[in-house]
PDB file of N, CA and C in Angstrom:
ATOM      1  N   UNK A   1      54.879 -39.513 -51.806  1.00  0.00           N
ATOM      2  CA  UNK A   1      54.644 -39.392 -50.354  1.00  0.00           C
ATOM      3  C   UNK A   1      54.739 -37.820 -50.538  1.00  0.00           C
ATOM      4  N   UNK A   2      54.443 -37.602 -49.480  1.00  0.00           N
ATOM      5  CA  UNK A   2      54.196 -36.020 -49.109  1.00  0.00           C
ATOM      6  C   UNK A   2      55.460 -36.276 -48.136  1.00  0.00           C
ATOM      7  N   UNK A   3      56.604 -34.725 -49.053  1.00  0.00           N
ATOM      8  CA  UNK A   3      57.071 -34.411 -47.478  1.00  0.00           C
ATOM      9  C   UNK A   3      57.763 -34.023 -46.585  1.00  0.00           C
ATOM     10  N   UNK A   4      58.262 -34.284 -45.643  1.00  0.00           N
ATOM     11  CA  UNK A   4      58.442 -33.274 -44.376  1.00  0.00           C
ATOM     12  C   UNK A   4      59.460 -32.233 -44.036  1.00  0.00           C
ATOM     13  N   UNK A   5      58.450 -31.496 -43.279  1.00  0.00           N
ATOM     14  CA  UNK A   5      59.842 -30.412 -43.943  1.00  0.00           C
ATOM     15  C   UNK A   5      61.259 -31.229 -42.540  1.00  0.00           C
ATOM     16  N   UNK A   6      62.504 -30.306 -42.740  1.00  0.00           N
ATOM     17  CA  UNK A   6      63.169 -30.494 -41.988  1.00  0.00           C
ATOM     18  C   UNK A   6      63.908 -29.155 -40.936  1.00  0.00           C
ATOM     19  N   UNK A   7      64.156 -29.544 -40.538  1.00  0.00           N
ATOM     20  CA  UNK A   7      65.117 -27.951 -39.284  1.00  0.00           C
ATOM     21  C   UNK A   7      65.791 -27.527 -40.807  1.00  0.00           C
ATOM     22  N   UNK A   8      66.480 -26.118 -40.894  1.00  0.00           N
ATOM     23  CA  UNK A   8      67.448 -25.960 -41.772  1.00  0.00           C
ATOM     24  C   UNK A   8      69.275 -25.858 -40.207  1.00  0.00           C
ATOM     25  N   UNK A   9      68.616 -25.808 -39.130  1.00  0.00           N
ATOM     26  CA  UNK A   9      69.981 -25.604 -38.182  1.00  0.00           C
ATOM     27  C   UNK A   9      69.126 -26.624 -37.187  1.00  0.00           C
ATOM     28  N   UNK A  10      70.663 -26.978 -35.703  1.00  0.00           N
ATOM     29  CA  UNK A  10      70.112 -27.710 -35.022  1.00  0.00           C
ATOM     30  C   UNK A  10      69.529 -26.630 -33.472  1.00  0.00           C
ATOM     31  N   UNK A  11      68.496 -27.415 -33.256  1.00  0.00           N
ATOM     32  CA  UNK A  11      67.551 -26.848 -31.950  1.00  0.00           C
ATOM     33  C   UNK A  11      68.988 -26.753 -30.970  1.00  0.00           C
ATOM     34  N   UNK A  12      69.486 -25.625 -30.241  1.00  0.00           N
ATOM     35  CA  UNK A  12      70.288 -25.924 -29.582  1.00  0.00           C
ATOM     36  C   UNK A  12      69.445 -26.528 -27.767  1.00  0.00           C
ATOM     37  N   UNK A  13      70.548 -26.873 -27.233  1.00  0.00           N
ATOM     38  CA  UNK A  13      70.165 -27.813 -25.905  1.00  0.00           C
ATOM     39  C   UNK A  13      69.247 -26.608 -24.933  1.00  0.00           C
ATOM     40  N   UNK A  14      69.563 -25.785 -24.594  1.00  0.00           N
ATOM     41  CA  UNK A  14      68.589 -25.124 -23.771  1.00  0.00           C
ATOM     42  C   UNK A  14      67.292 -24.376 -24.112  1.00  0.00           C
ATOM     43  N   UNK A  15      67.057 -24.169 -25.475  1.00  0.00           N
ATOM     44  CA  UNK A  15      65.517 -23.671 -26.643  1.00  0.00           C
ATOM     45  C   UNK A  15      65.323 -24.645 -25.522  1.00  0.00           C
ATOM     46  N   UNK A  16      65.306 -26.534 -26.424  1.00  0.00           N
ATOM     47  CA  UNK A  16      64.973 -27.476 -26.610  1.00  0.00           C
ATOM     48  C   UNK A  16      64.619 -27.605 -24.823  1.00  0.00           C
ATOM     49  N   UNK A  17      65.772 -27.519 -23.886  1.00  0.00           N
ATOM     50  CA  UNK A  17      65.133 -27.749 -22.163  1.00  0.00           C
ATOM     51  C   UNK A  17      64.068 -27.177 -22.319  1.00  0.00           C
ATOM     52  N   UNK A  18      64.104 -25.577 -22.134  1.00  0.00           N
ATOM     53  CA  UNK A  18      63.453 -23.902 -21.824  1.00  0.00           C
ATOM     54  C   UNK A  18      61.710 -24.640 -22.572  1.00  0.00           C
ATOM     55  N   UNK A  19      61.793 -25.732 -24.018  1.00  0.00           N
ATOM     56  CA  UNK A  19      60.053 -25.925 -24.236  1.00  0.00           C
ATOM     57  C   UNK A  19      59.419 -27.021 -23.489  1.00  0.00           C
ATOM     58  N   UNK A  20      60.692 -27.842 -23.029  1.00  0.00           N
ATOM     59  CA  UNK A  20      60.248 -28.655 -22.306  1.00  0.00           C
ATOM     60  C   UNK A  20      59.589 -28.404 -20.668  1.00  0.00           C
ATOM     61  N   UNK A  21      60.243 -27.529 -19.710  1.00  0.00           N
ATOM     62  CA  UNK A  21      60.289 -27.188 -18.597  1.00  0.00           C
ATOM     63  C   UNK A  21      59.176 -26.312 -18.763  1.00  0.00           C
ATOM     64  N   UNK A  22      58.898 -25.844 -19.340  1.00  0.00           N
ATOM     65  CA  UNK A  22      57.242 -24.835 -19.662  1.00  0.00           C
ATOM     66  C   UNK A  22      56.148 -26.258 -20.341  1.00  0.00           C
ATOM     67  N   UNK A  23      56.369 -26.836 -20.838  1.00  0.00           N
ATOM     68  CA  UNK A  23      55.438 -27.666 -20.903  1.00  0.00           C
ATOM     69  C   UNK A  23      55.042 -28.495 -19.827  1.00  0.00           C
ATOM     70  N   UNK A  24      56.441 -28.818 -19.303  1.00  0.00           N
ATOM     71  CA  UNK A  24      56.037 -29.595 -17.805  1.00  0.00           C
ATOM     72  C   UNK A  24      55.424 -28.562 -16.012  1.00  0.00           C
ATOM     73  N   UNK A  25      55.392 -27.325 -16.799  1.00  0.00           N
ATOM     74  CA  UNK A  25      55.235 -26.152 -15.411  1.00  0.00           C
ATOM     75  C   UNK A  25      53.700 -26.071 -15.413  1.00  0.00           C
ATOM     76  N   UNK A  26      53.317 -26.215 -16.915  1.00  0.00           N
ATOM     77  CA  UNK A  26      52.311 -26.084 -17.102  1.00  0.00           C
ATOM     78  C   UNK A  26      51.264 -26.995 -16.702  1.00  0.00           C
ATOM     79  N   UNK A  27      51.380 -28.083 -16.799  1.00  0.00           N
ATOM     80  CA  UNK A  27      51.200 -29.503 -17.131  1.00  0.00           C
ATOM     81  C   UNK A  27      50.574 -29.656 -15.373  1.00  0.00           C
ATOM     82  N   UNK A  28      52.003 -29.449 -14.622  1.00  0.00           N
ATOM     83  CA  UNK A  28      51.797 -29.697 -12.888  1.00  0.00           C
ATOM     84  C   UNK A  28      51.230 -28.195 -12.491  1.00  0.00           C
ATOM     85  N   UNK A  29      51.192 -27.473 -12.937  1.00  0.00           N
ATOM     86  CA  UNK A  29      49.696 -26.438 -12.200  1.00  0.00           C
ATOM     87  C   UNK A  29      48.477 -27.154 -13.012  1.00  0.00           C
ATOM     88  N   UNK A  30      47.873 -27.080 -13.269  1.00  0.00           N
ATOM     89  CA  UNK A  30      46.694 -27.754 -13.986  1.00  0.00           C
ATOM     90  C   UNK A  30      46.394 -29.280 -13.247  1.00  0.00           C
ATOM     91  N   UNK A  31      47.203 -29.757 -12.713  1.00  0.00           N
ATOM     92  CA  UNK A  31      47.275 -31.600 -11.901  1.00  0.00           C
ATOM     93  C   UNK A  31      46.982 -31.122 -10.760  1.00  0.00           C
ATOM     94  N   UNK A  32      47.882 -29.495 -10.051  1.00  0.00           N
ATOM     95  CA  UNK A  32      47.154 -29.712  -8.861  1.00  0.00           C
ATOM     96  C   UNK A  32      46.376 -28.408  -8.607  1.00  0.00           C
ATOM     97  N   UNK A  33      45.972 -27.620  -8.944  1.00  0.00           N
ATOM     98  CA  UNK A  33      44.581 -26.870  -9.540  1.00  0.00           C
ATOM     99  C   UNK A  33      42.802 -27.936  -9.689  1.00  0.00           C
ATOM    100  N   UNK A  34      43.221 -29.324  -9.702  1.00  0.00           N
ATOM    101  CA  UNK A  34      41.779 -30.173  -9.708  1.00  0.00           C
ATOM    102  C   UNK A  34      40.865 -30.013 -10.695  1.00  0.00           C
ATOM    103  N   UNK A  35      39.706 -30.689  -9.571  1.00  0.00           N
ATOM    104  CA  UNK A  35      38.647 -29.925 -10.390  1.00  0.00           C
ATOM    105  C   UNK A  35      37.934 -28.872  -9.611  1.00  0.00           C
ATOM    106  N   UNK A  36      37.260 -28.070  -9.854  1.00  0.00           N
ATOM    107  CA  UNK A  36      36.960 -26.578  -9.175  1.00  0.00           C
ATOM    108  C   UNK A  36      35.428 -27.225  -8.595  1.00  0.00           C
ATOM    109  N   UNK A  37      34.894 -26.657  -7.329  1.00  0.00           N
ATOM    110  CA  UNK A  37      34.054 -27.956  -7.161  1.00  0.00           C
ATOM    111  C   UNK A  37      33.184 -26.426  -6.730  1.00  0.00           C
ATOM    112  N   UNK A  38      31.738 -26.540  -7.032  1.00  0.00           N
ATOM    113  CA  UNK A  38      31.159 -25.149  -6.615  1.00  0.00           C
ATOM    114  C   UNK A  38      29.766 -25.633  -5.904  1.00  0.00           C
ATOM    115  N   UNK A  39      29.085 -24.565  -5.241  1.00  0.00           N
ATOM    116  CA  UNK A  39      27.744 -25.387  -4.534  1.00  0.00           C
ATOM    117  C   UNK A  39      26.517 -25.110  -5.412  1.00  0.00           C
ATOM    118  N   UNK A  40      25.881 -26.382  -5.318  1.00  0.00           N
ATOM    119  CA  UNK A  40      25.007 -26.083  -6.019  1.00  0.00           C
ATOM    120  C   UNK A  40      23.849 -25.361  -5.730  1.00  0.00           C
ATOM    121  N   UNK A  41      23.213 -24.547  -6.269  1.00  0.00           N
ATOM    122  CA  UNK A  41      22.330 -23.672  -6.104  1.00  0.00           C
ATOM    123  C   UNK A  41      20.963 -24.151  -5.194  1.00  0.00           C
ATOM    124  N   UNK A  42      20.279 -25.342  -5.179  1.00  0.00           N
ATOM    125  CA  UNK A  42      19.263 -25.766  -5.692  1.00  0.00           C
ATOM    126  C   UNK A  42      19.327 -27.234  -3.489  1.00  0.00           C
ATOM    127  N   UNK A  43      20.023 -27.226  -3.671  1.00  0.00           N
ATOM    128  CA  UNK A  43      20.537 -28.160  -2.885  1.00  0.00           C
ATOM    129  C   UNK A  43      22.129 -28.369  -1.939  1.00  0.00           C
ATOM    130  N   UNK A  44      22.739 -26.906  -2.170  1.00  0.00           N
ATOM    131  CA  UNK A  44      24.119 -27.098  -1.583  1.00  0.00           C
ATOM    132  C   UNK A  44      25.287 -27.966  -1.342  1.00  0.00           C
ATOM    133  N   UNK A  45      24.905 -28.735  -1.704  1.00  0.00           N
ATOM    134  CA  UNK A  45      25.946 -29.877  -1.357  1.00  0.00           C
ATOM    135  C   UNK A  45      27.107 -29.270  -3.110  1.00  0.00           C
ATOM    136  N   UNK A  46      28.583 -29.595  -2.389  1.00  0.00           N
ATOM    137  CA  UNK A  46      29.349 -29.413  -3.881  1.00  0.00           C
ATOM    138  C   UNK A  46      29.687 -30.046  -4.622  1.00  0.00           C
ATOM    139  N   UNK A  47      29.406 -29.804  -5.869  1.00  0.00           N
ATOM    140  CA  UNK A  47      29.425 -30.399  -7.021  1.00  0.00           C
ATOM    141  C   UNK A  47      30.336 -30.126  -8.242  1.00  0.00           C
ATOM    142  N   UNK A  48      31.032 -30.834  -8.912  1.00  0.00           N
ATOM    143  CA  UNK A  48      31.641 -30.191 -10.511  1.00  0.00           C
ATOM    144  C   UNK A  48      30.804 -29.376 -10.841  1.00  0.00           C
ATOM    145  N   UNK A  49      31.656 -28.224 -11.636  1.00  0.00           N
ATOM    146  CA  UNK A  49      31.335 -27.614 -12.140  1.00  0.00           C
ATOM    147  C   UNK A  49      30.805 -27.939 -14.080  1.00  0.00           C
ATOM    148  N   UNK A  50      29.654 -26.709 -14.000  1.00  0.00           N
ATOM    149  CA  UNK A  50      28.899 -27.465 -15.165  1.00  0.00           C
ATOM    150  C   UNK A  50      28.468 -29.016 -15.270  1.00  0.00           C
ATOM    151  N   UNK A  51      28.852 -29.451 -14.442  1.00  0.00           N
ATOM    152  CA  UNK A  51      27.356 -30.389 -14.646  1.00  0.00           C
ATOM    153  C   UNK A  51      26.460 -30.306 -13.358  1.00  0.00           C
ATOM    154  N   UNK A  52      25.533 -31.335 -14.234  1.00  0.00           N
ATOM    155  CA  UNK A  52      24.472 -31.113 -13.645  1.00  0.00           C
ATOM    156  C   UNK A  52      24.790 -32.343 -11.630  1.00  0.00           C
ATOM    157  N   UNK A  53      23.899 -31.984 -10.688  1.00  0.00           N
ATOM    158  CA  UNK A  53      23.759 -32.254  -9.745  1.00  0.00           C
ATOM    159  C   UNK A  53      23.237 -33.990  -9.442  1.00  0.00           C
ATOM    160  N   UNK A  54      24.165 -34.351  -9.198  1.00  0.00           N
ATOM    161  CA  UNK A  54      23.594 -35.953  -8.422  1.00  0.00           C
ATOM    162  C   UNK A  54      22.705 -35.990  -8.147  1.00  0.00           C
ATOM    163  N   UNK A  55      22.919 -35.183  -6.903  1.00  0.00           N
ATOM    164  CA  UNK A  55      22.336 -35.082  -5.289  1.00  0.00           C
ATOM    165  C   UNK A  55      20.158 -34.747  -5.458  1.00  0.00           C
ATOM    166  N   UNK A  56      20.291 -33.399  -6.581  1.00  0.00           N
ATOM    167  CA  UNK A  56      19.523 -32.912  -6.807  1.00  0.00           C
ATOM    168  C   UNK A  56      18.221 -33.721  -8.295  1.00  0.00           C
ATOM    169  N   UNK A  57      19.546 -33.562  -9.515  1.00  0.00           N
ATOM    170  CA  UNK A  57      19.064 -33.817 -10.577  1.00  0.00           C
ATOM    171  C   UNK A  57      18.997 -32.387 -10.819  1.00  0.00           C
ATOM    172  N   UNK A  58      19.013 -31.812 -10.630  1.00  0.00           N
ATOM    173  CA  UNK A  58      19.055 -29.890 -11.220  1.00  0.00           C
ATOM    174  C   UNK A  58      20.512 -29.289 -11.914  1.00  0.00           C
ATOM    175  N   UNK A  59      20.125 -28.863 -13.527  1.00  0.00           N
ATOM    176  CA  UNK A  59      20.800 -28.119 -14.195  1.00  0.00           C
ATOM    177  C   UNK A  59      20.700 -26.257 -14.344  1.00  0.00           C
ATOM    178  N   UNK A  60      22.121 -25.076 -14.164  1.00  0.00           N
ATOM    179  CA  UNK A  60      21.422 -23.401 -14.063  1.00  0.00           C
ATOM    180  C   UNK A  60      20.024 -24.110 -13.749  1.00  0.00           C
ATOM    181  N   UNK A  61      19.628 -24.273 -12.378  1.00  0.00           N
ATOM    182  CA  UNK A  61      17.212 -24.100 -11.871  1.00  0.00           C
ATOM    183  C   UNK A  61      16.870 -24.391 -12.405  1.00  0.00           C
ATOM    184  N   UNK A  62      17.247 -25.729 -13.338  1.00  0.00           N
ATOM    185  CA  UNK A  62      16.265 -26.482 -14.864  1.00  0.00           C
ATOM    186  C   UNK A  62      16.277 -28.600 -13.950  1.00  0.00           C
ATOM    187  N   UNK A  63      15.478 -28.832 -14.190  1.00  0.00           N
ATOM    188  CA  UNK A  63      15.553 -30.557 -13.684  1.00  0.00           C
ATOM    189  C   UNK A  63      15.980 -30.743 -14.690  1.00  0.00           C
ATOM    190  N   UNK A  64      17.382 -31.216 -14.572  1.00  0.00           N
ATOM    191  CA  UNK A  64      17.845 -32.894 -15.620  1.00  0.00           C
ATOM    192  C   UNK A  64      17.646 -34.068 -15.813  1.00  0.00           C
ATOM    193  N   UNK A  65      17.714 -34.527 -14.312  1.00  0.00           N
ATOM    194  CA  UNK A  65      17.499 -35.424 -14.458  1.00  0.00           C
ATOM    195  C   UNK A  65      16.429 -36.147 -13.279  1.00  0.00           C
ATOM    196  N   UNK A  66      15.701 -37.059 -13.434  1.00  0.00           N
ATOM    197  CA  UNK A  66      14.456 -37.317 -12.603  1.00  0.00           C
ATOM    198  C   UNK A  66      15.049 -38.709 -11.526  1.00  0.00           C
ATOM    199  N   UNK A  67      15.457 -37.427 -10.529  1.00  0.00           N
ATOM    200  CA  UNK A  67      15.852 -38.748  -9.407  1.00  0.00           C
ATOM    201  C   UNK A  67      15.170 -39.333  -8.249  1.00  0.00           C
ATOM    202  N   UNK A  68      13.131 -39.575  -8.927  1.00  0.00           N
ATOM    203  CA  UNK A  68      12.536 -40.287  -8.485  1.00  0.00           C
ATOM    204  C   UNK A  68      12.668 -41.302  -9.103  1.00  0.00           C
ATOM    205  N   UNK A  69      13.153 -41.290 -10.374  1.00  0.00           N
ATOM    206  CA  UNK A  69      12.285 -42.415 -11.545  1.00  0.00           C
ATOM    207  C   UNK A  69      13.702 -42.572 -10.743  1.00  0.00           C
ATOM    208  N   UNK A  70      14.853 -41.928 -10.978  1.00  0.00           N
ATOM    209  CA  UNK A  70      16.002 -43.433 -10.612  1.00  0.00           C
ATOM    210  C   UNK A  70      16.212 -44.175  -9.135  1.00  0.00           C
ATOM    211  N   UNK A  71      15.702 -43.965  -8.558  1.00  0.00           N
ATOM    212  CA  UNK A  71      15.611 -44.213  -6.958  1.00  0.00           C
ATOM    213  C   UNK A  71      14.811 -45.442  -7.141  1.00  0.00           C
ATOM    214  N   UNK A  72      13.575 -45.306  -8.511  1.00  0.00           N
ATOM    215  CA  UNK A  72      12.918 -46.448  -8.696  1.00  0.00           C
ATOM    216  C   UNK A  72      13.684 -47.486  -8.630  1.00  0.00           C
ATOM    217  N   UNK A  73      14.431 -47.081 -10.245  1.00  0.00           N
ATOM    218  CA  UNK A  73      15.229 -48.017 -10.493  1.00  0.00           C
ATOM    219  C   UNK A  73      15.751 -49.100  -9.335  1.00  0.00           C
ATOM    220  N   UNK A  74      16.425 -48.346  -8.832  1.00  0.00           N
ATOM    221  CA  UNK A  74      17.693 -48.970  -7.940  1.00  0.00           C
ATOM    222  C   UNK A  74      16.364 -49.617  -6.847  1.00  0.00           C
ATOM    223  N   UNK A  75      15.547 -49.048  -6.363  1.00  0.00           N
ATOM    224  CA  UNK A  75      15.512 -50.332  -5.131  1.00  0.00           C
ATOM    225  C   UNK A  75      14.642 -51.512  -5.933  1.00  0.00           C
ATOM    226  N   UNK A  76      14.340 -50.887  -6.942  1.00  0.00           N
ATOM    227  CA  UNK A  76      13.675 -52.237  -7.277  1.00  0.00           C
ATOM    228  C   UNK A  76      14.323 -53.192  -7.690  1.00  0.00           C
ATOM    229  N   UNK A  77      13.462 -54.579  -6.574  1.00  0.00           N
ATOM    230  CA  UNK A  77      13.865 -55.538  -6.715  1.00  0.00           C
ATOM    231  C   UNK A  77      13.054 -57.055  -7.412  1.00  0.00           C
ATOM    232  N   UNK A  78      13.988 -57.678  -8.230  1.00  0.00           N
ATOM    233  CA  UNK A  78      12.776 -58.698  -8.869  1.00  0.00           C
ATOM    234  C   UNK A  78      13.781 -60.050  -8.053  1.00  0.00           C
ATOM    235  N   UNK A  79      12.307 -60.733  -8.245  1.00  0.00           N
ATOM    236  CA  UNK A  79      13.065 -61.740  -7.327  1.00  0.00           C
ATOM    237  C   UNK A  79      13.265 -63.117  -8.213  1.00  0.00           C
TER     238      UNK A  79
END
């Protein structure tokens, strides 16, 4: 079995709580910031950063999603 490292001395309560508070504050900041939204250069809709636009299907000036094809799939109804 592999041996695990054990601490030589007990860690003080102040040091433990300081480490926990730092983690808690950083997590809170990240959650409050939320998702960053930018405008799509093609259709000017708000979209999350670094994602293809769900409205026009473009990403960085080129078409990634074929929206016409997607619309055909949605509008076709089999009887």
